[in-house]
N, C-alpha and C. Protein backbone atom coordinates (compact mmCIF):
# COMPACT_ATOMS: atom_id res chain seq x y z
N MET A 1 151.64 73.89 125.41
CA MET A 1 151.33 75.07 124.59
C MET A 1 151.73 76.30 125.40
N SER A 2 152.36 77.23 124.78
CA SER A 2 152.82 78.43 125.48
C SER A 2 151.67 79.42 125.61
N GLY A 3 151.87 80.46 126.42
CA GLY A 3 150.85 81.48 126.63
C GLY A 3 150.52 82.23 125.35
N GLY A 4 151.53 82.45 124.49
CA GLY A 4 151.30 83.15 123.23
C GLY A 4 150.46 82.32 122.27
N GLY A 5 150.66 80.99 122.31
CA GLY A 5 149.89 80.12 121.43
C GLY A 5 148.43 80.07 121.83
N ALA A 6 148.15 80.11 123.14
CA ALA A 6 146.77 80.09 123.63
C ALA A 6 146.07 81.39 123.24
N ALA A 7 146.78 82.51 123.35
CA ALA A 7 146.20 83.79 122.99
C ALA A 7 145.90 83.83 121.49
N GLY A 8 146.80 83.27 120.68
CA GLY A 8 146.58 83.22 119.24
C GLY A 8 145.38 82.36 118.89
N LEU A 9 145.22 81.26 119.64
CA LEU A 9 144.06 80.38 119.42
C LEU A 9 142.77 81.10 119.76
N VAL A 10 142.77 81.85 120.85
CA VAL A 10 141.57 82.60 121.26
C VAL A 10 141.23 83.65 120.21
N VAL A 11 142.23 84.36 119.72
CA VAL A 11 142.01 85.38 118.69
C VAL A 11 141.47 84.73 117.42
N SER A 12 142.02 83.60 117.04
CA SER A 12 141.55 82.89 115.85
C SER A 12 140.10 82.45 116.00
N LEU A 13 139.75 81.92 117.17
CA LEU A 13 138.36 81.51 117.42
C LEU A 13 137.41 82.70 117.40
N LEU A 14 137.84 83.81 117.97
CA LEU A 14 137.00 85.01 117.95
C LEU A 14 136.79 85.51 116.51
N CYS A 15 137.83 85.53 115.73
CA CYS A 15 137.71 85.97 114.34
C CYS A 15 136.79 85.05 113.55
N CYS A 16 136.96 83.74 113.72
CA CYS A 16 136.09 82.78 113.02
C CYS A 16 134.65 82.92 113.49
N GLY A 17 134.48 83.14 114.78
CA GLY A 17 133.14 83.33 115.33
C GLY A 17 132.47 84.56 114.75
N LEU A 18 133.23 85.65 114.62
CA LEU A 18 132.67 86.87 114.04
C LEU A 18 132.30 86.68 112.58
N VAL A 19 133.13 85.94 111.85
CA VAL A 19 132.85 85.69 110.44
C VAL A 19 131.56 84.89 110.28
N VAL A 20 131.29 83.99 111.21
CA VAL A 20 130.09 83.16 111.13
C VAL A 20 128.88 83.88 111.73
N VAL A 21 129.05 84.50 112.89
CA VAL A 21 127.93 85.07 113.63
C VAL A 21 127.48 86.41 113.08
N LEU A 22 128.40 87.27 112.69
CA LEU A 22 128.05 88.62 112.24
C LEU A 22 127.08 88.63 111.07
N PRO A 23 127.29 87.82 110.03
CA PRO A 23 126.31 87.82 108.93
C PRO A 23 124.92 87.36 109.37
N LEU A 24 124.85 86.59 110.45
CA LEU A 24 123.55 86.16 110.96
C LEU A 24 122.91 87.24 111.83
N LEU A 25 123.73 88.02 112.52
CA LEU A 25 123.20 89.04 113.42
C LEU A 25 122.68 90.27 112.67
N VAL A 26 123.29 90.63 111.57
CA VAL A 26 122.87 91.83 110.85
C VAL A 26 121.42 91.73 110.37
N PRO A 27 120.99 90.66 109.71
CA PRO A 27 119.57 90.57 109.32
C PRO A 27 118.62 90.54 110.51
N VAL A 28 119.03 89.88 111.58
CA VAL A 28 118.18 89.83 112.78
C VAL A 28 118.01 91.23 113.35
N TYR A 29 119.13 91.97 113.44
CA TYR A 29 119.07 93.34 113.93
C TYR A 29 118.20 94.21 113.02
N ALA A 30 118.37 94.08 111.71
CA ALA A 30 117.58 94.86 110.76
C ALA A 30 116.09 94.53 110.89
N ALA A 31 115.77 93.26 111.08
CA ALA A 31 114.38 92.86 111.24
C ALA A 31 113.79 93.47 112.51
N LEU A 32 114.52 93.43 113.60
CA LEU A 32 114.02 93.99 114.86
C LEU A 32 113.81 95.50 114.75
N VAL A 33 114.77 96.19 114.16
CA VAL A 33 114.65 97.64 114.00
C VAL A 33 113.47 97.96 113.08
N GLY A 34 113.34 97.23 111.97
CA GLY A 34 112.23 97.45 111.04
C GLY A 34 110.88 97.24 111.69
N LEU A 35 110.75 96.18 112.47
CA LEU A 35 109.48 95.92 113.14
C LEU A 35 109.16 96.99 114.18
N ARG A 36 110.18 97.45 114.91
CA ARG A 36 109.96 98.51 115.91
C ARG A 36 109.54 99.81 115.24
N ARG A 37 110.15 100.14 114.11
CA ARG A 37 109.77 101.37 113.40
C ARG A 37 108.36 101.27 112.84
N ARG A 38 108.00 100.09 112.33
CA ARG A 38 106.64 99.90 111.83
C ARG A 38 105.63 100.08 112.96
N GLU A 39 105.91 99.49 114.12
CA GLU A 39 105.01 99.63 115.27
C GLU A 39 104.91 101.08 115.71
N ALA A 40 106.02 101.83 115.69
CA ALA A 40 105.99 103.24 116.06
C ALA A 40 105.14 104.04 115.08
N THR A 41 105.24 103.73 113.79
CA THR A 41 104.43 104.41 112.78
C THR A 41 102.96 104.09 112.99
N GLN A 42 102.64 102.85 113.29
CA GLN A 42 101.24 102.46 113.52
C GLN A 42 100.69 103.14 114.77
N ARG A 43 101.50 103.28 115.82
CA ARG A 43 101.05 103.99 117.03
C ARG A 43 100.79 105.46 116.73
N MET A 44 101.68 106.09 115.95
CA MET A 44 101.50 107.49 115.60
C MET A 44 100.22 107.69 114.79
N LEU A 45 99.95 106.79 113.85
CA LEU A 45 98.73 106.89 113.06
C LEU A 45 97.49 106.65 113.92
N ALA A 46 97.56 105.70 114.85
CA ALA A 46 96.42 105.43 115.73
C ALA A 46 96.10 106.63 116.60
N GLU A 47 97.09 107.47 116.88
CA GLU A 47 96.86 108.68 117.65
C GLU A 47 96.37 109.83 116.77
N ALA A 48 96.95 109.98 115.59
CA ALA A 48 96.66 111.13 114.72
C ALA A 48 95.32 111.01 114.01
N GLU A 49 94.94 109.83 113.56
CA GLU A 49 93.71 109.68 112.78
C GLU A 49 92.46 110.06 113.58
N PRO A 50 92.30 109.61 114.84
CA PRO A 50 91.12 110.06 115.59
C PRO A 50 91.13 111.56 115.88
N ARG A 51 92.31 112.13 116.06
CA ARG A 51 92.43 113.57 116.33
C ARG A 51 91.94 114.39 115.13
N LEU A 52 92.07 113.85 113.92
CA LEU A 52 91.68 114.56 112.71
C LEU A 52 90.34 114.07 112.15
N ALA A 53 89.64 113.23 112.90
CA ALA A 53 88.39 112.63 112.42
C ALA A 53 87.28 113.65 112.22
N HIS A 54 87.36 114.82 112.87
CA HIS A 54 86.31 115.83 112.74
C HIS A 54 86.27 116.47 111.35
N LEU A 55 87.34 116.32 110.58
CA LEU A 55 87.37 116.89 109.24
C LEU A 55 86.60 116.00 108.27
N THR A 56 85.71 116.61 107.53
CA THR A 56 84.96 115.89 106.50
C THR A 56 85.93 115.50 105.39
N ARG A 57 85.81 114.26 104.91
CA ARG A 57 86.67 113.79 103.83
C ARG A 57 85.81 113.12 102.78
N THR A 58 86.02 113.51 101.54
CA THR A 58 85.28 112.88 100.45
C THR A 58 86.10 112.97 99.17
N SER A 59 85.82 112.07 98.27
CA SER A 59 86.52 112.09 96.98
C SER A 59 85.69 112.80 95.91
N THR A 60 84.57 113.39 96.32
CA THR A 60 83.73 114.13 95.38
C THR A 60 83.78 115.61 95.73
N GLU A 61 83.23 116.43 94.85
CA GLU A 61 83.22 117.87 95.07
C GLU A 61 82.11 118.25 96.04
N SER A 62 82.21 119.44 96.61
CA SER A 62 81.20 119.97 97.52
C SER A 62 80.80 121.36 97.04
N PRO A 63 79.84 121.45 96.09
CA PRO A 63 79.54 122.74 95.47
C PRO A 63 78.82 123.73 96.39
N ASP A 64 78.20 123.27 97.48
CA ASP A 64 77.42 124.16 98.32
C ASP A 64 78.26 124.80 99.44
N HIS A 65 79.54 124.77 99.35
CA HIS A 65 80.41 125.34 100.37
C HIS A 65 80.44 126.86 100.26
N VAL A 66 80.22 127.51 101.40
CA VAL A 66 80.34 128.97 101.45
C VAL A 66 81.63 129.28 102.19
N GLY A 67 82.53 129.91 101.52
CA GLY A 67 83.82 130.21 102.11
C GLY A 67 84.90 130.07 101.06
N THR A 68 86.10 130.00 101.52
CA THR A 68 87.21 129.87 100.58
C THR A 68 87.66 128.41 100.53
N SER A 69 88.38 128.12 99.50
CA SER A 69 88.93 126.77 99.37
C SER A 69 90.38 126.89 98.89
N THR A 70 91.16 125.93 99.29
CA THR A 70 92.57 125.97 98.93
C THR A 70 93.10 124.55 98.79
N LEU A 71 94.13 124.41 98.01
CA LEU A 71 94.75 123.10 97.80
C LEU A 71 95.58 122.73 99.02
N VAL A 72 95.42 121.52 99.50
CA VAL A 72 96.25 120.98 100.57
C VAL A 72 96.83 119.66 100.09
N HIS A 73 97.97 119.31 100.62
CA HIS A 73 98.61 118.07 100.20
C HIS A 73 99.43 117.49 101.34
N GLY A 74 99.70 116.23 101.24
CA GLY A 74 100.59 115.54 102.16
C GLY A 74 101.33 114.49 101.37
N SER A 75 102.60 114.37 101.63
CA SER A 75 103.37 113.37 100.88
C SER A 75 104.31 112.65 101.82
N VAL A 76 104.70 111.47 101.40
CA VAL A 76 105.65 110.67 102.17
C VAL A 76 106.44 109.81 101.20
N ALA A 77 107.72 109.68 101.47
CA ALA A 77 108.57 108.72 100.77
C ALA A 77 108.82 107.62 101.79
N TYR A 78 108.24 106.46 101.56
CA TYR A 78 108.23 105.41 102.57
C TYR A 78 109.03 104.20 102.09
N ALA A 79 110.07 103.87 102.83
CA ALA A 79 110.88 102.70 102.50
C ALA A 79 110.40 101.53 103.35
N PRO A 80 109.98 100.45 102.74
CA PRO A 80 109.52 99.29 103.50
C PRO A 80 110.63 98.74 104.39
N ASP A 81 110.22 98.16 105.51
CA ASP A 81 111.21 97.60 106.42
C ASP A 81 111.78 96.28 105.88
N PHE A 82 112.87 95.86 106.48
CA PHE A 82 113.59 94.67 106.03
C PHE A 82 112.70 93.42 106.00
N PRO A 83 111.91 93.13 107.05
CA PRO A 83 111.09 91.91 106.99
C PRO A 83 110.12 91.91 105.81
N SER A 84 109.52 93.07 105.51
CA SER A 84 108.57 93.13 104.40
C SER A 84 109.27 92.90 103.06
N ARG A 85 110.44 93.49 102.89
CA ARG A 85 111.17 93.29 101.64
C ARG A 85 111.57 91.82 101.48
N TRP A 86 112.01 91.19 102.55
CA TRP A 86 112.43 89.80 102.50
C TRP A 86 111.25 88.89 102.16
N VAL A 87 110.12 89.11 102.82
CA VAL A 87 108.93 88.28 102.55
C VAL A 87 108.46 88.47 101.12
N THR A 88 108.52 89.70 100.63
CA THR A 88 108.09 89.97 99.26
C THR A 88 108.98 89.25 98.25
N ARG A 89 110.26 89.25 98.49
CA ARG A 89 111.16 88.51 97.58
C ARG A 89 110.81 87.03 97.57
N TYR A 90 110.47 86.48 98.73
CA TYR A 90 110.09 85.07 98.84
C TYR A 90 108.79 84.82 98.08
N VAL A 91 107.80 85.71 98.26
CA VAL A 91 106.51 85.55 97.58
C VAL A 91 106.69 85.66 96.07
N ASN A 92 107.60 86.54 95.62
CA ASN A 92 107.84 86.70 94.19
C ASN A 92 108.36 85.42 93.53
N LEU A 93 109.00 84.57 94.31
CA LEU A 93 109.49 83.31 93.75
C LEU A 93 108.34 82.40 93.33
N PHE A 94 107.26 82.42 94.12
CA PHE A 94 106.16 81.48 93.90
C PHE A 94 104.88 82.15 93.41
N GLY A 95 104.81 83.45 93.47
CA GLY A 95 103.61 84.16 93.06
C GLY A 95 102.64 84.30 94.22
N GLY A 96 101.71 85.19 94.08
CA GLY A 96 100.72 85.43 95.11
C GLY A 96 100.74 86.88 95.56
N GLN A 97 99.85 87.17 96.49
CA GLN A 97 99.73 88.53 97.00
C GLN A 97 100.82 88.81 98.02
N GLY A 98 101.50 89.93 97.86
CA GLY A 98 102.51 90.36 98.83
C GLY A 98 101.83 91.13 99.95
N LYS A 99 101.27 90.41 100.92
CA LYS A 99 100.49 91.06 101.98
C LYS A 99 101.32 92.05 102.79
N SER A 100 102.59 91.73 103.01
CA SER A 100 103.41 92.64 103.81
C SER A 100 103.65 93.95 103.06
N MET A 101 103.84 93.89 101.75
CA MET A 101 104.03 95.13 100.98
C MET A 101 102.72 95.88 100.82
N THR A 102 101.61 95.15 100.77
CA THR A 102 100.30 95.80 100.73
C THR A 102 100.11 96.60 102.02
N MET A 103 100.51 96.03 103.14
CA MET A 103 100.41 96.74 104.42
C MET A 103 101.31 97.97 104.42
N GLN A 104 102.51 97.86 103.84
CA GLN A 104 103.43 98.99 103.78
C GLN A 104 102.85 100.11 102.90
N ALA A 105 102.22 99.76 101.78
CA ALA A 105 101.60 100.76 100.92
C ALA A 105 100.44 101.43 101.64
N ASP A 106 99.69 100.66 102.43
CA ASP A 106 98.59 101.23 103.21
C ASP A 106 99.13 102.21 104.26
N LEU A 107 100.23 101.86 104.90
CA LEU A 107 100.84 102.78 105.87
C LEU A 107 101.28 104.07 105.18
N ALA A 108 101.85 103.98 104.00
CA ALA A 108 102.28 105.17 103.26
C ALA A 108 101.07 106.04 102.91
N ARG A 109 99.97 105.41 102.47
CA ARG A 109 98.76 106.16 102.13
C ARG A 109 98.20 106.86 103.36
N ARG A 110 98.15 106.15 104.48
CA ARG A 110 97.64 106.74 105.71
C ARG A 110 98.51 107.89 106.20
N LEU A 111 99.83 107.74 106.10
CA LEU A 111 100.74 108.82 106.50
C LEU A 111 100.53 110.06 105.63
N ALA A 112 100.41 109.88 104.32
CA ALA A 112 100.19 111.02 103.42
C ALA A 112 98.85 111.69 103.73
N THR A 113 97.83 110.89 104.02
CA THR A 113 96.51 111.44 104.35
C THR A 113 96.56 112.24 105.63
N VAL A 114 97.22 111.72 106.65
CA VAL A 114 97.33 112.44 107.92
C VAL A 114 98.06 113.77 107.72
N ARG A 115 99.12 113.76 106.93
CA ARG A 115 99.86 115.01 106.68
C ARG A 115 98.99 116.03 105.94
N MET A 116 98.18 115.55 104.99
CA MET A 116 97.28 116.44 104.27
C MET A 116 96.24 117.02 105.22
N LEU A 117 95.65 116.18 106.06
CA LEU A 117 94.63 116.64 107.00
C LEU A 117 95.20 117.58 108.05
N GLU A 118 96.44 117.35 108.47
CA GLU A 118 97.07 118.27 109.42
C GLU A 118 97.27 119.64 108.78
N GLN A 119 97.62 119.68 107.50
CA GLN A 119 97.76 120.96 106.80
C GLN A 119 96.40 121.66 106.73
N ALA A 120 95.34 120.90 106.43
CA ALA A 120 94.00 121.47 106.36
C ALA A 120 93.55 121.99 107.73
N ALA A 121 93.81 121.22 108.78
CA ALA A 121 93.43 121.65 110.13
C ALA A 121 94.18 122.91 110.52
N GLY A 122 95.43 123.03 110.10
CA GLY A 122 96.21 124.24 110.37
C GLY A 122 95.63 125.48 109.71
N LEU A 123 94.90 125.29 108.62
CA LEU A 123 94.25 126.41 107.92
C LEU A 123 92.87 126.71 108.50
N GLY A 124 92.40 125.88 109.44
CA GLY A 124 91.08 126.05 110.01
C GLY A 124 89.98 125.47 109.14
N ALA A 125 90.30 124.54 108.29
CA ALA A 125 89.32 123.96 107.37
C ALA A 125 88.32 123.07 108.12
N THR A 126 87.14 122.95 107.55
CA THR A 126 86.12 122.06 108.09
C THR A 126 86.14 120.70 107.40
N GLY A 127 86.85 120.61 106.30
CA GLY A 127 86.93 119.35 105.60
C GLY A 127 87.82 119.46 104.38
N VAL A 128 88.02 118.31 103.75
CA VAL A 128 88.80 118.24 102.52
C VAL A 128 87.98 117.42 101.53
N VAL A 129 87.76 117.99 100.35
CA VAL A 129 86.97 117.31 99.32
C VAL A 129 87.83 117.07 98.09
N ASN A 130 87.29 116.25 97.22
CA ASN A 130 87.96 115.94 95.95
C ASN A 130 89.37 115.39 96.19
N ILE A 131 89.48 114.48 97.15
CA ILE A 131 90.77 113.91 97.53
C ILE A 131 91.25 112.95 96.46
N ARG A 132 92.52 113.05 96.14
CA ARG A 132 93.15 112.17 95.16
C ARG A 132 94.47 111.67 95.71
N PHE A 133 94.90 110.52 95.22
CA PHE A 133 96.17 109.92 95.62
C PHE A 133 97.00 109.65 94.38
N GLU A 134 98.28 109.89 94.48
CA GLU A 134 99.24 109.56 93.43
C GLU A 134 100.35 108.76 94.10
N SER A 135 100.86 107.78 93.39
CA SER A 135 101.97 107.01 93.95
C SER A 135 103.00 106.77 92.86
N SER A 136 104.23 106.61 93.31
CA SER A 136 105.31 106.26 92.40
C SER A 136 106.34 105.48 93.18
N GLN A 137 107.18 104.81 92.47
CA GLN A 137 108.23 104.03 93.10
C GLN A 137 109.57 104.63 92.73
N MET A 138 110.36 104.91 93.73
CA MET A 138 111.71 105.42 93.49
C MET A 138 112.68 104.29 93.79
N GLU A 139 113.62 104.09 92.91
CA GLU A 139 114.63 103.07 93.15
C GLU A 139 115.98 103.73 93.27
N MET A 140 116.67 103.40 94.34
CA MET A 140 117.99 103.97 94.59
C MET A 140 118.98 102.84 94.78
N SER A 141 120.13 102.99 94.22
CA SER A 141 121.19 102.03 94.48
C SER A 141 122.46 102.82 94.76
N SER A 142 123.27 102.27 95.62
CA SER A 142 124.49 102.99 95.98
C SER A 142 125.70 102.11 95.74
N GLY A 143 126.73 102.71 95.22
CA GLY A 143 127.99 102.00 95.03
C GLY A 143 127.83 100.74 94.21
N GLY A 144 128.36 99.65 94.73
CA GLY A 144 128.33 98.37 94.04
C GLY A 144 127.09 97.56 94.35
N ASN A 145 126.09 98.17 95.00
CA ASN A 145 124.87 97.45 95.36
C ASN A 145 124.10 97.10 94.09
N LYS A 146 123.98 95.82 93.82
CA LYS A 146 123.31 95.37 92.60
C LYS A 146 121.79 95.41 92.74
N GLN A 147 121.29 95.28 93.98
CA GLN A 147 119.84 95.29 94.20
C GLN A 147 119.42 96.68 94.67
N PRO A 148 118.60 97.38 93.88
CA PRO A 148 118.17 98.70 94.30
C PRO A 148 117.18 98.62 95.47
N THR A 149 117.16 99.68 96.25
CA THR A 149 116.21 99.78 97.35
C THR A 149 115.00 100.53 96.84
N ALA A 150 113.84 99.90 96.90
CA ALA A 150 112.61 100.52 96.43
C ALA A 150 111.99 101.35 97.54
N THR A 151 111.61 102.57 97.20
CA THR A 151 110.93 103.46 98.13
C THR A 151 109.63 103.89 97.46
N LEU A 152 108.55 103.81 98.20
CA LEU A 152 107.24 104.18 97.69
C LEU A 152 106.98 105.64 98.03
N GLU A 153 106.69 106.44 97.02
CA GLU A 153 106.31 107.83 97.26
C GLU A 153 104.80 107.92 97.11
N MET A 154 104.14 108.48 98.13
CA MET A 154 102.69 108.61 98.11
C MET A 154 102.34 110.07 98.32
N LEU A 155 101.46 110.59 97.47
CA LEU A 155 101.00 111.97 97.55
C LEU A 155 99.49 111.96 97.68
N ALA A 156 98.98 112.64 98.70
CA ALA A 156 97.55 112.83 98.87
C ALA A 156 97.28 114.32 98.71
N TYR A 157 96.28 114.68 97.92
CA TYR A 157 95.95 116.09 97.76
C TYR A 157 94.45 116.25 97.60
N GLY A 158 93.97 117.43 97.97
CA GLY A 158 92.56 117.71 97.88
C GLY A 158 92.30 119.20 98.09
N THR A 159 91.02 119.55 98.14
CA THR A 159 90.60 120.93 98.31
C THR A 159 90.10 121.11 99.73
N ALA A 160 90.78 121.96 100.49
CA ALA A 160 90.37 122.24 101.87
C ALA A 160 89.26 123.28 101.86
N LEU A 161 88.21 123.01 102.63
CA LEU A 161 87.08 123.94 102.73
C LEU A 161 87.26 124.78 103.98
N VAL A 162 87.59 126.05 103.77
CA VAL A 162 87.83 126.96 104.89
C VAL A 162 86.59 127.82 105.06
N PRO A 163 85.97 127.82 106.25
CA PRO A 163 84.76 128.62 106.44
C PRO A 163 85.07 130.11 106.37
N GLY A 164 84.07 130.85 106.02
CA GLY A 164 84.22 132.30 105.93
C GLY A 164 83.32 132.82 104.84
N PRO A 165 83.40 134.11 104.58
CA PRO A 165 82.56 134.67 103.52
C PRO A 165 82.94 134.09 102.17
N GLY A 166 81.95 133.81 101.40
CA GLY A 166 82.18 133.25 100.08
C GLY A 166 82.68 134.29 99.11
N PRO A 167 83.08 133.84 97.94
CA PRO A 167 83.54 134.80 96.94
C PRO A 167 82.38 135.70 96.52
N GLY A 168 82.65 136.99 96.41
CA GLY A 168 81.62 137.93 96.00
C GLY A 168 80.79 138.46 97.16
N ALA A 169 81.06 137.98 98.39
CA ALA A 169 80.33 138.48 99.55
C ALA A 169 80.78 139.90 99.84
N PRO A 170 79.84 140.76 100.30
CA PRO A 170 80.24 142.14 100.57
C PRO A 170 81.24 142.20 101.71
N GLN A 171 82.25 143.01 101.54
CA GLN A 171 83.29 143.18 102.55
C GLN A 171 82.93 144.40 103.39
N GLU A 172 83.13 144.30 104.68
CA GLU A 172 82.89 145.46 105.53
C GLU A 172 84.12 146.34 105.49
N GLY A 173 83.89 147.59 105.33
CA GLY A 173 84.99 148.54 105.30
C GLY A 173 85.31 149.02 106.71
N PRO A 174 86.36 149.81 106.86
CA PRO A 174 86.70 150.33 108.18
C PRO A 174 85.66 151.32 108.65
N ARG A 175 85.41 151.36 109.93
CA ARG A 175 84.41 152.28 110.49
C ARG A 175 85.05 153.44 111.13
């Protein structure tokens, strides 16, 4: 065999190897990246939630508040990671609870709540009352992609209780 034939054989083997290995590596890479991003999000939430724990949170009204109140909100458009989408497709074949997607929805809710509480803390609020959540699913597809990518949009909103003089309280004028 000549030197050119050996080089051609090596190139052929490399091309065949890429055709076989590359489709296997892409999902593995996507799974690793998705899991790392999920862990980073969970670490961020584990840090932010205790920092904002001093704010009172309730889903009912607080009529005895003296001060001002204002609307605060937090939203997130959260795309589930590759492993969760894959497991959910598998579960959909046989039925049952999609625990991985339930966890992803919980992460989206927690992210929206943290963003809402950070906005309230920035206003100097002592708490947020009458908290509500809204969710929707956005589906996007690009080009010839037959399977749309589902993204969960989560909105948390409530009334921030800002301390201070209540409405109708006498204002001090300049001296």
